[in-house]
Amino acid sequence: MNSPRAKSAVRSGRLAARRAFVVQLDEDMPARLTEPVSGRVENIATGEQSLFDSLDDLESFMRRSLANGD
């Protein structure tokens, strides 16, 4: 991964596994994120999963998961 975009994703701090998520987007997801987005998200550490129909739903699940883990 030698692209400038890939390099920007590298961080100097540790990434905690308890704060890791898998986001799976529906196959028919629109090309622009200004339109509705849906899919499934899973907290890797807990196995908790949720379906989402918007970026707000996705963010809410992640925030709840992180709040419950701290």
Protein backbone atom coordinates (compact mmCIF):
# COMPACT_ATOMS: atom_id res chain seq x y z
CA MET A 1 0.00 0.00 0.00
CA ASN A 2 2.08 2.84 -1.27
CA SER A 3 -0.67 5.34 -2.00
CA PRO A 4 -0.78 8.66 -0.10
CA ARG A 5 -4.23 7.72 1.14
CA ALA A 6 -2.96 4.48 2.71
CA LYS A 7 -0.13 6.28 4.46
CA SER A 8 -2.54 8.73 6.07
CA ALA A 9 -4.30 5.81 7.80
CA VAL A 10 -1.16 4.84 9.75
CA ARG A 11 -1.22 5.99 13.37
CA SER A 12 1.50 6.18 15.94
CA GLY A 13 -0.72 4.96 18.83
CA ARG A 14 -2.01 1.48 19.54
CA LEU A 15 -5.37 0.43 18.19
CA ALA A 16 -7.36 -1.42 20.86
CA ALA A 17 -9.14 -4.60 19.74
CA ARG A 18 -12.05 -3.77 22.05
CA ARG A 19 -12.63 -0.70 19.91
CA ALA A 20 -12.67 -2.57 16.58
CA PHE A 21 -15.73 -2.94 14.37
CA VAL A 22 -16.60 -4.69 11.13
CA VAL A 23 -18.91 -2.67 8.91
CA GLN A 24 -20.59 -4.52 6.06
CA LEU A 25 -22.45 -2.31 3.59
CA ASP A 26 -25.43 -3.53 1.62
CA GLU A 27 -24.56 -4.57 -1.90
CA ASP A 28 -26.74 -1.90 -3.47
CA MET A 29 -25.15 0.95 -1.49
CA PRO A 30 -25.21 4.26 -3.38
CA ALA A 31 -21.92 5.62 -4.68
CA ARG A 32 -22.35 8.91 -2.79
CA LEU A 33 -22.61 8.91 0.99
CA THR A 34 -25.11 11.78 0.85
CA GLU A 35 -27.74 9.15 0.11
CA PRO A 36 -29.04 6.56 2.59
CA VAL A 37 -26.53 3.92 3.66
CA SER A 38 -27.47 0.57 5.17
CA GLY A 39 -25.77 -2.59 6.33
CA ARG A 40 -24.55 -4.46 9.38
CA VAL A 41 -22.01 -3.55 12.05
CA GLU A 42 -20.35 -5.86 14.57
CA ASN A 43 -18.26 -5.07 17.62
CA ILE A 44 -15.30 -7.46 17.31
CA ALA A 45 -14.64 -7.74 21.05
CA THR A 46 -18.21 -8.47 22.15
CA GLY A 47 -19.75 -9.99 19.03
CA GLU A 48 -22.70 -7.61 19.39
CA GLN A 49 -24.27 -6.87 16.01
CA SER A 50 -26.75 -4.38 14.65
CA LEU A 51 -28.35 -3.49 11.35
CA PHE A 52 -28.27 0.18 10.36
CA ASP A 53 -30.17 2.29 7.84
CA SER A 54 -28.17 5.50 8.13
CA LEU A 55 -24.77 6.81 9.14
CA ASP A 56 -26.43 8.18 12.28
CA ASP A 57 -27.59 4.65 13.22
CA LEU A 58 -24.09 3.31 12.61
CA GLU A 59 -22.51 6.02 14.75
CA SER A 60 -25.06 5.47 17.54
CA PHE A 61 -24.29 1.76 17.71
CA MET A 62 -20.55 2.41 17.85
CA ARG A 63 -20.93 5.05 20.57
CA ARG A 64 -23.15 2.75 22.67
CA SER A 65 -20.72 -0.14 22.25
CA LEU A 66 -17.77 2.00 23.28
CA ALA A 67 -19.63 3.47 26.27
CA ASN A 68 -20.60 -0.03 27.48
CA GLY A 69 -17.00 -1.25 27.20
CA ASP A 70 -15.34 1.49 29.24
